[in-house]
Full PDB file with SEQRES, HELIX, SHEET, SSBOND, CRYST1, ORIGX, SCALE, CONECT and MASTER records, all heavy atoms in Angstrom:
SEQRES   1 A   42  HIS THR GLY TYR GLN ASN LEU MET LYS LEU VAL THR HIS          
SEQRES   2 A   42  SER ASN LEU ASN GLY PHE TYR TYR LYS PRO ARG ILE ASP          
SEQRES   3 A   42  LYS LYS ILE LEU GLU GLU ASN SER GLN GLY ILE ILE ALA          
SEQRES   4 A   42  LEU SER GLY                                                  
HELIX    1 AA1 THR A    2  LEU A   16  1                                  15    
HELIX    2 AA2 LYS A   27  GLU A   32  1                                   6    
CRYST1    1.000    1.000    1.000  90.00  90.00  90.00 P 1           1          
ORIGX1      1.000000  0.000000  0.000000        0.00000                         
ORIGX2      0.000000  1.000000  0.000000        0.00000                         
ORIGX3      0.000000  0.000000  1.000000        0.00000                         
SCALE1      1.000000  0.000000  0.000000        0.00000                         
SCALE2      0.000000  1.000000  0.000000        0.00000                         
SCALE3      0.000000  0.000000  1.000000        0.00000                         
ATOM      1  N   HIS A   1      83.902 102.254 158.247  1.00  0.00           N  
ATOM      2  CA  HIS A   1      84.553 102.048 156.990  1.00  0.00           C  
ATOM      3  C   HIS A   1      83.520 101.762 155.876  1.00  0.00           C  
ATOM      4  O   HIS A   1      83.706 102.256 154.762  1.00  0.00           O  
ATOM      5  CB  HIS A   1      85.511 100.874 157.099  1.00  0.00           C  
ATOM      6  CG  HIS A   1      86.356 100.743 155.799  1.00  0.00           C  
ATOM      7  ND1 HIS A   1      87.281 101.637 155.369  1.00  0.00           N  
ATOM      8  CD2 HIS A   1      86.320  99.726 154.879  1.00  0.00           C  
ATOM      9  CE1 HIS A   1      87.780 101.236 154.260  1.00  0.00           C  
ATOM     10  NE2 HIS A   1      87.175 100.073 153.937  1.00  0.00           N  
ATOM     11  N   THR A   2      82.482 101.018 156.209  1.00  0.00           N  
ATOM     12  CA  THR A   2      81.460 100.722 155.242  1.00  0.00           C  
ATOM     13  C   THR A   2      80.781 102.025 154.851  1.00  0.00           C  
ATOM     14  O   THR A   2      80.549 102.213 153.619  1.00  0.00           O  
ATOM     15  CB  THR A   2      80.364  99.805 155.821  1.00  0.00           C  
ATOM     16  OG1 THR A   2      81.039  98.518 156.131  1.00  0.00           O  
ATOM     17  CG2 THR A   2      79.229  99.497 154.844  1.00  0.00           C  
ATOM     18  N   GLY A   3      80.499 102.922 155.785  1.00  0.00           N  
ATOM     19  CA  GLY A   3      79.862 104.102 155.483  1.00  0.00           C  
ATOM     20  C   GLY A   3      80.833 105.041 154.558  1.00  0.00           C  
ATOM     21  O   GLY A   3      80.319 105.707 153.627  1.00  0.00           O  
ATOM     22  N   TYR A   4      82.101 104.992 154.825  1.00  0.00           N  
ATOM     23  CA  TYR A   4      83.076 105.705 154.050  1.00  0.00           C  
ATOM     24  C   TYR A   4      83.035 105.251 152.620  1.00  0.00           C  
ATOM     25  O   TYR A   4      83.039 105.983 151.617  1.00  0.00           O  
ATOM     26  CB  TYR A   4      84.488 105.601 154.577  1.00  0.00           C  
ATOM     27  CG  TYR A   4      85.537 106.319 153.788  1.00  0.00           C  
ATOM     28  CD1 TYR A   4      85.714 107.722 153.784  1.00  0.00           C  
ATOM     29  CD2 TYR A   4      86.447 105.549 153.052  1.00  0.00           C  
ATOM     30  CE1 TYR A   4      86.633 108.333 153.075  1.00  0.00           C  
ATOM     31  CE2 TYR A   4      87.437 106.191 152.335  1.00  0.00           C  
ATOM     32  CZ  TYR A   4      87.490 107.568 152.332  1.00  0.00           C  
ATOM     33  OH  TYR A   4      88.487 108.251 151.606  1.00  0.00           O  
ATOM     34  N   GLN A   5      83.021 103.888 152.419  1.00  0.00           N  
ATOM     35  CA  GLN A   5      82.984 103.325 151.078  1.00  0.00           C  
ATOM     36  C   GLN A   5      81.677 103.630 150.349  1.00  0.00           C  
ATOM     37  O   GLN A   5      81.650 103.967 149.188  1.00  0.00           O  
ATOM     38  CB  GLN A   5      83.093 101.773 151.160  1.00  0.00           C  
ATOM     39  CG  GLN A   5      84.451 101.355 151.584  1.00  0.00           C  
ATOM     40  CD  GLN A   5      84.548  99.855 151.669  1.00  0.00           C  
ATOM     41  OE1 GLN A   5      83.683  99.187 152.306  1.00  0.00           O  
ATOM     42  NE2 GLN A   5      85.628  99.257 151.225  1.00  0.00           N  
ATOM     43  N   ASN A   6      80.575 103.717 151.144  1.00  0.00           N  
ATOM     44  CA  ASN A   6      79.336 104.117 150.512  1.00  0.00           C  
ATOM     45  C   ASN A   6      79.240 105.525 150.081  1.00  0.00           C  
ATOM     46  O   ASN A   6      78.665 105.909 149.075  1.00  0.00           O  
ATOM     47  CB  ASN A   6      78.125 103.715 151.442  1.00  0.00           C  
ATOM     48  CG  ASN A   6      77.853 102.223 151.329  1.00  0.00           C  
ATOM     49  OD1 ASN A   6      78.030 101.567 150.332  1.00  0.00           O  
ATOM     50  ND2 ASN A   6      77.281 101.663 152.448  1.00  0.00           N  
ATOM     51  N   LEU A   7      79.868 106.370 150.928  1.00  0.00           N  
ATOM     52  CA  LEU A   7      80.000 107.815 150.555  1.00  0.00           C  
ATOM     53  C   LEU A   7      80.769 107.966 149.259  1.00  0.00           C  
ATOM     54  O   LEU A   7      80.387 108.752 148.353  1.00  0.00           O  
ATOM     55  CB  LEU A   7      80.602 108.624 151.652  1.00  0.00           C  
ATOM     56  CG  LEU A   7      79.768 108.928 152.879  1.00  0.00           C  
ATOM     57  CD1 LEU A   7      80.636 109.829 153.846  1.00  0.00           C  
ATOM     58  CD2 LEU A   7      78.487 109.695 152.521  1.00  0.00           C  
ATOM     59  N   MET A   8      81.853 107.203 149.128  1.00  0.00           N  
ATOM     60  CA  MET A   8      82.657 107.228 147.874  1.00  0.00           C  
ATOM     61  C   MET A   8      81.811 106.768 146.669  1.00  0.00           C  
ATOM     62  O   MET A   8      81.876 107.373 145.588  1.00  0.00           O  
ATOM     63  CB  MET A   8      83.914 106.424 148.040  1.00  0.00           C  
ATOM     64  CG  MET A   8      84.933 107.029 148.926  1.00  0.00           C  
ATOM     65  SD  MET A   8      86.521 106.279 148.831  1.00  0.00           S  
ATOM     66  CE  MET A   8      86.196 104.647 149.437  1.00  0.00           C  
ATOM     67  N   LYS A   9      80.939 105.773 146.811  1.00  0.00           N  
ATOM     68  CA  LYS A   9      80.101 105.321 145.743  1.00  0.00           C  
ATOM     69  C   LYS A   9      79.073 106.419 145.378  1.00  0.00           C  
ATOM     70  O   LYS A   9      78.813 106.594 144.151  1.00  0.00           O  
ATOM     71  CB  LYS A   9      79.303 104.035 146.209  1.00  0.00           C  
ATOM     72  CG  LYS A   9      80.160 102.782 146.297  1.00  0.00           C  
ATOM     73  CD  LYS A   9      79.306 101.652 146.789  1.00  0.00           C  
ATOM     74  CE  LYS A   9      80.180 100.469 147.168  1.00  0.00           C  
ATOM     75  NZ  LYS A   9      79.378  99.331 147.754  1.00  0.00           N  
ATOM     76  N   LEU A  10      78.565 107.083 146.407  1.00  0.00           N  
ATOM     77  CA  LEU A  10      77.548 108.121 146.135  1.00  0.00           C  
ATOM     78  C   LEU A  10      78.220 109.305 145.378  1.00  0.00           C  
ATOM     79  O   LEU A  10      77.679 109.875 144.413  1.00  0.00           O  
ATOM     80  CB  LEU A  10      76.965 108.661 147.450  1.00  0.00           C  
ATOM     81  CG  LEU A  10      76.043 107.677 148.163  1.00  0.00           C  
ATOM     82  CD1 LEU A  10      75.666 108.143 149.576  1.00  0.00           C  
ATOM     83  CD2 LEU A  10      74.842 107.311 147.374  1.00  0.00           C  
ATOM     84  N   VAL A  11      79.430 109.702 145.790  1.00  0.00           N  
ATOM     85  CA  VAL A  11      80.128 110.808 145.109  1.00  0.00           C  
ATOM     86  C   VAL A  11      80.539 110.332 143.666  1.00  0.00           C  
ATOM     87  O   VAL A  11      80.403 111.205 142.751  1.00  0.00           O  
ATOM     88  CB  VAL A  11      81.412 111.198 145.899  1.00  0.00           C  
ATOM     89  CG1 VAL A  11      82.309 112.079 145.128  1.00  0.00           C  
ATOM     90  CG2 VAL A  11      81.010 111.828 147.206  1.00  0.00           C  
ATOM     91  N   THR A  12      80.907 109.161 143.461  1.00  0.00           N  
ATOM     92  CA  THR A  12      81.227 108.688 142.167  1.00  0.00           C  
ATOM     93  C   THR A  12      80.080 108.741 141.262  1.00  0.00           C  
ATOM     94  O   THR A  12      80.095 109.308 140.183  1.00  0.00           O  
ATOM     95  CB  THR A  12      81.816 107.306 142.186  1.00  0.00           C  
ATOM     96  OG1 THR A  12      83.047 107.244 143.013  1.00  0.00           O  
ATOM     97  CG2 THR A  12      82.198 106.713 140.843  1.00  0.00           C  
ATOM     98  N   HIS A  13      78.948 108.262 141.769  1.00  0.00           N  
ATOM     99  CA  HIS A  13      77.718 108.305 140.958  1.00  0.00           C  
ATOM    100  C   HIS A  13      77.300 109.763 140.658  1.00  0.00           C  
ATOM    101  O   HIS A  13      76.934 110.082 139.549  1.00  0.00           O  
ATOM    102  CB  HIS A  13      76.575 107.576 141.666  1.00  0.00           C  
ATOM    103  CG  HIS A  13      75.215 107.867 141.072  1.00  0.00           C  
ATOM    104  ND1 HIS A  13      74.751 107.070 139.975  1.00  0.00           N  
ATOM    105  CD2 HIS A  13      74.285 108.767 141.243  1.00  0.00           C  
ATOM    106  CE1 HIS A  13      73.512 107.574 139.604  1.00  0.00           C  
ATOM    107  NE2 HIS A  13      73.226 108.575 140.365  1.00  0.00           N  
ATOM    108  N   SER A  14      77.409 110.561 141.654  1.00  0.00           N  
ATOM    109  CA  SER A  14      76.982 111.949 141.438  1.00  0.00           C  
ATOM    110  C   SER A  14      77.721 112.677 140.431  1.00  0.00           C  
ATOM    111  O   SER A  14      77.225 113.512 139.682  1.00  0.00           O  
ATOM    112  CB  SER A  14      77.007 112.770 142.779  1.00  0.00           C  
ATOM    113  OG  SER A  14      78.301 112.961 143.132  1.00  0.00           O  
ATOM    114  N   ASN A  15      79.000 112.459 140.305  1.00  0.00           N  
ATOM    115  CA  ASN A  15      79.894 113.067 139.290  1.00  0.00           C  
ATOM    116  C   ASN A  15      79.877 112.387 137.959  1.00  0.00           C  
ATOM    117  O   ASN A  15      79.925 113.134 136.938  1.00  0.00           O  
ATOM    118  CB  ASN A  15      81.290 113.216 139.825  1.00  0.00           C  
ATOM    119  CG  ASN A  15      81.443 114.271 140.810  1.00  0.00           C  
ATOM    120  OD1 ASN A  15      81.599 115.429 140.535  1.00  0.00           O  
ATOM    121  ND2 ASN A  15      81.350 113.935 142.127  1.00  0.00           N  
ATOM    122  N   LEU A  16      79.753 111.101 137.925  1.00  0.00           N  
ATOM    123  CA  LEU A  16      79.758 110.457 136.647  1.00  0.00           C  
ATOM    124  C   LEU A  16      78.416 110.301 135.969  1.00  0.00           C  
ATOM    125  O   LEU A  16      78.315 110.380 134.775  1.00  0.00           O  
ATOM    126  CB  LEU A  16      80.439 109.020 136.810  1.00  0.00           C  
ATOM    127  CG  LEU A  16      81.864 108.944 137.187  1.00  0.00           C  
ATOM    128  CD1 LEU A  16      82.357 107.502 137.293  1.00  0.00           C  
ATOM    129  CD2 LEU A  16      82.767 109.748 136.246  1.00  0.00           C  
ATOM    130  N   ASN A  17      77.441 110.016 136.770  1.00  0.00           N  
ATOM    131  CA  ASN A  17      76.048 109.836 136.243  1.00  0.00           C  
ATOM    132  C   ASN A  17      75.070 110.901 136.469  1.00  0.00           C  
ATOM    133  O   ASN A  17      74.166 111.186 135.699  1.00  0.00           O  
ATOM    134  CB  ASN A  17      75.501 108.467 136.778  1.00  0.00           C  
ATOM    135  CG  ASN A  17      76.400 107.326 136.463  1.00  0.00           C  
ATOM    136  OD1 ASN A  17      76.975 107.195 135.411  1.00  0.00           O  
ATOM    137  ND2 ASN A  17      76.689 106.545 137.532  1.00  0.00           N  
ATOM    138  N   GLY A  18      75.108 111.512 137.647  1.00  0.00           N  
ATOM    139  CA  GLY A  18      74.109 112.437 138.083  1.00  0.00           C  
ATOM    140  C   GLY A  18      74.404 113.878 137.829  1.00  0.00           C  
ATOM    141  O   GLY A  18      73.635 114.729 138.211  1.00  0.00           O  
ATOM    142  N   PHE A  19      75.545 114.182 137.219  1.00  0.00           N  
ATOM    143  CA  PHE A  19      75.949 115.644 137.101  1.00  0.00           C  
ATOM    144  C   PHE A  19      74.989 116.361 136.173  1.00  0.00           C  
ATOM    145  O   PHE A  19      74.856 116.026 135.021  1.00  0.00           O  
ATOM    146  CB  PHE A  19      77.338 115.750 136.667  1.00  0.00           C  
ATOM    147  CG  PHE A  19      77.911 117.099 136.960  1.00  0.00           C  
ATOM    148  CD1 PHE A  19      78.670 117.364 138.063  1.00  0.00           C  
ATOM    149  CD2 PHE A  19      77.728 118.208 136.129  1.00  0.00           C  
ATOM    150  CE1 PHE A  19      79.234 118.561 138.410  1.00  0.00           C  
ATOM    151  CE2 PHE A  19      78.221 119.447 136.426  1.00  0.00           C  
ATOM    152  CZ  PHE A  19      78.934 119.632 137.519  1.00  0.00           C  
ATOM    153  N   TYR A  20      74.380 117.398 136.740  1.00  0.00           N  
ATOM    154  CA  TYR A  20      73.548 118.329 135.940  1.00  0.00           C  
ATOM    155  C   TYR A  20      73.508 119.621 136.765  1.00  0.00           C  
ATOM    156  O   TYR A  20      72.913 119.764 137.744  1.00  0.00           O  
ATOM    157  CB  TYR A  20      72.122 117.786 135.730  1.00  0.00           C  
ATOM    158  CG  TYR A  20      71.254 118.735 134.996  1.00  0.00           C  
ATOM    159  CD1 TYR A  20      71.477 118.950 133.641  1.00  0.00           C  
ATOM    160  CD2 TYR A  20      70.114 119.235 135.550  1.00  0.00           C  
ATOM    161  CE1 TYR A  20      70.647 119.818 132.828  1.00  0.00           C  
ATOM    162  CE2 TYR A  20      69.269 120.052 134.801  1.00  0.00           C  
ATOM    163  CZ  TYR A  20      69.565 120.351 133.476  1.00  0.00           C  
ATOM    164  OH  TYR A  20      68.681 121.149 132.684  1.00  0.00           O  
ATOM    165  N   TYR A  21      74.404 120.569 136.355  1.00  0.00           N  
ATOM    166  CA  TYR A  21      74.716 121.802 137.111  1.00  0.00           C  
ATOM    167  C   TYR A  21      75.466 121.511 138.379  1.00  0.00           C  
ATOM    168  O   TYR A  21      76.351 122.255 138.737  1.00  0.00           O  
ATOM    169  CB  TYR A  21      73.437 122.640 137.381  1.00  0.00           C  
ATOM    170  CG  TYR A  21      72.864 123.248 136.155  1.00  0.00           C  
ATOM    171  CD1 TYR A  21      71.959 122.583 135.396  1.00  0.00           C  
ATOM    172  CD2 TYR A  21      73.196 124.545 135.802  1.00  0.00           C  
ATOM    173  CE1 TYR A  21      71.413 123.167 134.238  1.00  0.00           C  
ATOM    174  CE2 TYR A  21      72.687 125.119 134.681  1.00  0.00           C  
ATOM    175  CZ  TYR A  21      71.761 124.410 133.869  1.00  0.00           C  
ATOM    176  OH  TYR A  21      71.324 124.976 132.763  1.00  0.00           O  
ATOM    177  N   LYS A  22      75.116 120.392 139.075  1.00  0.00           N  
ATOM    178  CA  LYS A  22      75.818 120.003 140.305  1.00  0.00           C  
ATOM    179  C   LYS A  22      75.913 118.500 140.346  1.00  0.00           C  
ATOM    180  O   LYS A  22      75.068 117.805 139.637  1.00  0.00           O  
ATOM    181  CB  LYS A  22      75.102 120.476 141.584  1.00  0.00           C  
ATOM    182  CG  LYS A  22      75.008 122.020 141.704  1.00  0.00           C  
ATOM    183  CD  LYS A  22      74.267 122.378 142.912  1.00  0.00           C  
ATOM    184  CE  LYS A  22      73.954 123.852 143.118  1.00  0.00           C  
ATOM    185  NZ  LYS A  22      75.068 124.756 142.811  1.00  0.00           N  
ATOM    186  N   PRO A  23      76.803 117.955 141.039  1.00  0.00           N  
ATOM    187  CA  PRO A  23      76.920 116.450 141.111  1.00  0.00           C  
ATOM    188  C   PRO A  23      75.773 115.932 142.053  1.00  0.00           C  
ATOM    189  O   PRO A  23      75.742 116.264 143.215  1.00  0.00           O  
ATOM    190  CB  PRO A  23      78.292 116.211 141.754  1.00  0.00           C  
ATOM    191  CG  PRO A  23      78.658 117.463 142.464  1.00  0.00           C  
ATOM    192  CD  PRO A  23      77.951 118.600 141.677  1.00  0.00           C  
ATOM    193  N   ARG A  24      74.824 115.161 141.429  1.00  0.00           N  
ATOM    194  CA  ARG A  24      73.651 114.770 142.233  1.00  0.00           C  
ATOM    195  C   ARG A  24      73.505 113.269 142.406  1.00  0.00           C  
ATOM    196  O   ARG A  24      73.855 112.504 141.548  1.00  0.00           O  
ATOM    197  CB  ARG A  24      72.378 115.323 141.494  1.00  0.00           C  
ATOM    198  CG  ARG A  24      72.348 116.762 141.182  1.00  0.00           C  
ATOM    199  CD  ARG A  24      71.224 117.168 140.199  1.00  0.00           C  
ATOM    200  NE  ARG A  24      71.385 116.320 138.954  1.00  0.00           N  
ATOM    201  CZ  ARG A  24      70.359 115.744 138.333  1.00  0.00           C  
ATOM    202  NH1 ARG A  24      69.189 115.901 138.719  1.00  0.00           N  
ATOM    203  NH2 ARG A  24      70.585 115.049 137.269  1.00  0.00           N  
ATOM    204  N   ILE A  25      72.890 112.981 143.551  1.00  0.00           N  
ATOM    205  CA  ILE A  25      72.495 111.638 143.838  1.00  0.00           C  
ATOM    206  C   ILE A  25      70.919 111.596 143.856  1.00  0.00           C  
ATOM    207  O   ILE A  25      70.400 112.688 143.615  1.00  0.00           O  
ATOM    208  CB  ILE A  25      73.044 111.022 145.161  1.00  0.00           C  
ATOM    209  CG1 ILE A  25      72.594 111.935 146.353  1.00  0.00           C  
ATOM    210  CG2 ILE A  25      74.550 110.950 145.086  1.00  0.00           C  
ATOM    211  CD1 ILE A  25      73.001 111.308 147.690  1.00  0.00           C  
ATOM    212  N   ASP A  26      70.328 110.522 144.121  1.00  0.00           N  
ATOM    213  CA  ASP A  26      68.854 110.487 144.357  1.00  0.00           C  
ATOM    214  C   ASP A  26      68.579 109.580 145.538  1.00  0.00           C  
ATOM    215  O   ASP A  26      69.512 108.840 146.021  1.00  0.00           O  
ATOM    216  CB  ASP A  26      68.152 110.196 143.091  1.00  0.00           C  
ATOM    217  CG  ASP A  26      68.549 108.811 142.468  1.00  0.00           C  
ATOM    218  OD1 ASP A  26      68.670 107.855 143.166  1.00  0.00           O  
ATOM    219  OD2 ASP A  26      68.731 108.777 141.245  1.00  0.00           O  
ATOM    220  N   LYS A  27      67.308 109.488 145.895  1.00  0.00           N  
ATOM    221  CA  LYS A  27      66.930 108.645 147.045  1.00  0.00           C  
ATOM    222  C   LYS A  27      67.175 107.141 146.769  1.00  0.00           C  
ATOM    223  O   LYS A  27      67.481 106.409 147.692  1.00  0.00           O  
ATOM    224  CB  LYS A  27      65.459 108.954 147.433  1.00  0.00           C  
ATOM    225  CG  LYS A  27      65.308 110.189 148.194  1.00  0.00           C  
ATOM    226  CD  LYS A  27      63.923 110.353 148.667  1.00  0.00           C  
ATOM    227  CE  LYS A  27      63.699 111.549 149.558  1.00  0.00           C  
ATOM    228  NZ  LYS A  27      62.310 111.696 149.937  1.00  0.00           N  
ATOM    229  N   LYS A  28      66.969 106.757 145.506  1.00  0.00           N  
ATOM    230  CA  LYS A  28      67.130 105.306 145.206  1.00  0.00           C  
ATOM    231  C   LYS A  28      68.603 104.863 145.483  1.00  0.00           C  
ATOM    232  O   LYS A  28      68.853 103.902 146.190  1.00  0.00           O  
ATOM    233  CB  LYS A  28      66.736 105.046 143.771  1.00  0.00           C  
ATOM    234  CG  LYS A  28      66.835 103.618 143.403  1.00  0.00           C  
ATOM    235  CD  LYS A  28      66.392 103.332 141.950  1.00  0.00           C  
ATOM    236  CE  LYS A  28      66.500 101.858 141.693  1.00  0.00           C  
ATOM    237  NZ  LYS A  28      67.171 101.608 140.412  1.00  0.00           N  
ATOM    238  N   ILE A  29      69.504 105.652 144.935  1.00  0.00           N  
ATOM    239  CA  ILE A  29      70.931 105.209 145.124  1.00  0.00           C  
ATOM    240  C   ILE A  29      71.350 105.471 146.560  1.00  0.00           C  
ATOM    241  O   ILE A  29      72.157 104.703 147.105  1.00  0.00           O  
ATOM    242  CB  ILE A  29      71.879 105.923 144.100  1.00  0.00           C  
ATOM    243  CG1 ILE A  29      73.287 105.279 144.170  1.00  0.00           C  
ATOM    244  CG2 ILE A  29      72.007 107.432 144.404  1.00  0.00           C  
ATOM    245  CD1 ILE A  29      74.072 105.446 142.972  1.00  0.00           C  
ATOM    246  N   LEU A  30      70.755 106.453 147.238  1.00  0.00           N  
ATOM    247  CA  LEU A  30      71.086 106.641 148.617  1.00  0.00           C  
ATOM    248  C   LEU A  30      70.561 105.499 149.475  1.00  0.00           C  
ATOM    249  O   LEU A  30      71.311 105.005 150.381  1.00  0.00           O  
ATOM    250  CB  LEU A  30      70.449 107.987 149.101  1.00  0.00           C  
ATOM    251  CG  LEU A  30      70.659 108.395 150.527  1.00  0.00           C  
ATOM    252  CD1 LEU A  30      72.134 108.544 150.873  1.00  0.00           C  
ATOM    253  CD2 LEU A  30      69.960 109.701 150.810  1.00  0.00           C  
ATOM    254  N   GLU A  31      69.349 105.079 149.253  1.00  0.00           N  
ATOM    255  CA  GLU A  31      68.840 103.887 149.936  1.00  0.00           C  
ATOM    256  C   GLU A  31      69.700 102.601 149.711  1.00  0.00           C  
ATOM    257  O   GLU A  31      69.958 101.908 150.667  1.00  0.00           O  
ATOM    258  CB  GLU A  31      67.416 103.645 149.503  1.00  0.00           C  
ATOM    259  CG  GLU A  31      66.722 102.584 150.290  1.00  0.00           C  
ATOM    260  CD  GLU A  31      65.281 102.460 150.019  1.00  0.00           C  
ATOM    261  OE1 GLU A  31      64.751 103.148 149.061  1.00  0.00           O  
ATOM    262  OE2 GLU A  31      64.580 101.693 150.694  1.00  0.00           O  
ATOM    263  N   GLU A  32      70.198 102.456 148.505  1.00  0.00           N  
ATOM    264  CA  GLU A  32      71.003 101.296 148.185  1.00  0.00           C  
ATOM    265  C   GLU A  32      72.412 101.345 148.853  1.00  0.00           C  
ATOM    266  O   GLU A  32      73.022 100.284 149.083  1.00  0.00           O  
ATOM    267  CB  GLU A  32      71.244 101.197 146.686  1.00  0.00           C  
ATOM    268  CG  GLU A  32      69.995 100.842 145.882  1.00  0.00           C  
ATOM    269  CD  GLU A  32      70.178 101.022 144.446  1.00  0.00           C  
ATOM    270  OE1 GLU A  32      71.252 101.468 143.954  1.00  0.00           O  
ATOM    271  OE2 GLU A  32      69.122 100.713 143.649  1.00  0.00           O  
ATOM    272  N   ASN A  33      72.887 102.539 149.225  1.00  0.00           N  
ATOM    273  CA  ASN A  33      74.148 102.767 149.824  1.00  0.00           C  
ATOM    274  C   ASN A  33      74.114 103.387 151.117  1.00  0.00           C  
ATOM    275  O   ASN A  33      75.013 104.224 151.473  1.00  0.00           O  
ATOM    276  CB  ASN A  33      75.034 103.562 148.839  1.00  0.00           C  
ATOM    277  CG  ASN A  33      75.271 102.783 147.590  1.00  0.00           C  
ATOM    278  OD1 ASN A  33      76.057 101.883 147.491  1.00  0.00           O  
ATOM    279  ND2 ASN A  33      74.563 103.132 146.511  1.00  0.00           N  
ATOM    280  N   SER A  34      73.056 103.190 151.952  1.00  0.00           N  
ATOM    281  CA  SER A  34      72.881 103.906 153.188  1.00  0.00           C  
ATOM    282  C   SER A  34      73.582 103.262 154.413  1.00  0.00           C  
ATOM    283  O   SER A  34      73.743 103.915 155.431  1.00  0.00           O  
ATOM    284  CB  SER A  34      71.451 103.977 153.512  1.00  0.00           C  
ATOM    285  OG  SER A  34      70.853 102.723 153.686  1.00  0.00           O  
ATOM    286  N   GLN A  35      74.018 102.039 154.323  1.00  0.00           N  
ATOM    287  CA  GLN A  35      74.632 101.359 155.431  1.00  0.00           C  
ATOM    288  C   GLN A  35      75.876 102.058 155.855  1.00  0.00           C  
ATOM    289  O   GLN A  35      76.723 102.459 155.035  1.00  0.00           O  
ATOM    290  CB  GLN A  35      74.962  99.948 155.043  1.00  0.00           C  
ATOM    291  CG  GLN A  35      75.461  99.063 156.242  1.00  0.00           C  
ATOM    292  CD  GLN A  35      75.701  97.637 155.834  1.00  0.00           C  
ATOM    293  OE1 GLN A  35      75.595  97.221 154.660  1.00  0.00           O  
ATOM    294  NE2 GLN A  35      76.110  96.825 156.789  1.00  0.00           N  
ATOM    295  N   GLY A  36      76.030 102.305 157.176  1.00  0.00           N  
ATOM    296  CA  GLY A  36      77.158 102.884 157.764  1.00  0.00           C  
ATOM    297  C   GLY A  36      77.195 104.421 157.620  1.00  0.00           C  
ATOM    298  O   GLY A  36      78.231 105.027 157.838  1.00  0.00           O  
ATOM    299  N   ILE A  37      76.046 105.017 157.168  1.00  0.00           N  
ATOM    300  CA  ILE A  37      75.995 106.449 156.980  1.00  0.00           C  
ATOM    301  C   ILE A  37      75.036 107.008 157.994  1.00  0.00           C  
ATOM    302  O   ILE A  37      73.897 106.461 158.217  1.00  0.00           O  
ATOM    303  CB  ILE A  37      75.560 106.754 155.543  1.00  0.00           C  
ATOM    304  CG1 ILE A  37      76.606 106.414 154.611  1.00  0.00           C  
ATOM    305  CG2 ILE A  37      75.211 108.264 155.420  1.00  0.00           C  
ATOM    306  CD1 ILE A  37      76.333 106.628 153.056  1.00  0.00           C  
ATOM    307  N   ILE A  38      75.368 108.175 158.527  1.00  0.00           N  
ATOM    308  CA  ILE A  38      74.429 108.983 159.418  1.00  0.00           C  
ATOM    309  C   ILE A  38      73.973 110.132 158.565  1.00  0.00           C  
ATOM    310  O   ILE A  38      74.765 110.771 157.848  1.00  0.00           O  
ATOM    311  CB  ILE A  38      75.253 109.505 160.652  1.00  0.00           C  
ATOM    312  CG1 ILE A  38      75.705 108.359 161.532  1.00  0.00           C  
ATOM    313  CG2 ILE A  38      74.338 110.508 161.407  1.00  0.00           C  
ATOM    314  CD1 ILE A  38      76.675 108.738 162.561  1.00  0.00           C  
ATOM    315  N   ALA A  39      72.643 110.267 158.563  1.00  0.00           N  
ATOM    316  CA  ALA A  39      71.994 111.332 157.765  1.00  0.00           C  
ATOM    317  C   ALA A  39      71.533 112.496 158.689  1.00  0.00           C  
ATOM    318  O   ALA A  39      70.858 112.217 159.741  1.00  0.00           O  
ATOM    319  CB  ALA A  39      70.819 110.886 156.888  1.00  0.00           C  
ATOM    320  N   LEU A  40      71.875 113.650 158.382  1.00  0.00           N  
ATOM    321  CA  LEU A  40      71.363 114.893 159.127  1.00  0.00           C  
ATOM    322  C   LEU A  40      70.335 115.610 158.278  1.00  0.00           C  
ATOM    323  O   LEU A  40      70.527 115.756 157.092  1.00  0.00           O  
ATOM    324  CB  LEU A  40      72.550 115.771 159.425  1.00  0.00           C  
ATOM    325  CG  LEU A  40      73.778 115.170 160.102  1.00  0.00           C  
ATOM    326  CD1 LEU A  40      74.801 116.302 160.333  1.00  0.00           C  
ATOM    327  CD2 LEU A  40      73.396 114.474 161.411  1.00  0.00           C  
ATOM    328  N   SER A  41      69.314 116.032 158.918  1.00  0.00           N  
ATOM    329  CA  SER A  41      68.111 116.612 158.141  1.00  0.00           C  
ATOM    330  C   SER A  41      68.570 117.780 157.254  1.00  0.00           C  
ATOM    331  O   SER A  41      67.858 118.050 156.270  1.00  0.00           O  
ATOM    332  CB  SER A  41      67.058 117.044 159.126  1.00  0.00           C  
ATOM    333  OG  SER A  41      67.440 118.070 159.934  1.00  0.00           O  
ATOM    334  N   GLY A  42      69.593 118.497 157.581  1.00  0.00           N  
ATOM    335  CA  GLY A  42      70.188 119.432 156.703  1.00  0.00           C  
ATOM    336  C   GLY A  42      69.864 120.884 156.900  1.00  0.00           C  
ATOM    337  O   GLY A  42      69.119 121.327 157.827  1.00  0.00           O  
TER     338      GLY A  42                                                      
MASTER        0    0    0    2    0    0    0    6  337    1    0    4          
END                                                                             
């Protein structure tokens, strides 16, 4: 559940603050909201 909440925070930031051609996050906000999240190399 914590990870789900953190994903919602990241999506909100990406659309409200980070949008530039695409909704973007950055490593700083990701690090601040990484608890409960699994990252895949992509």
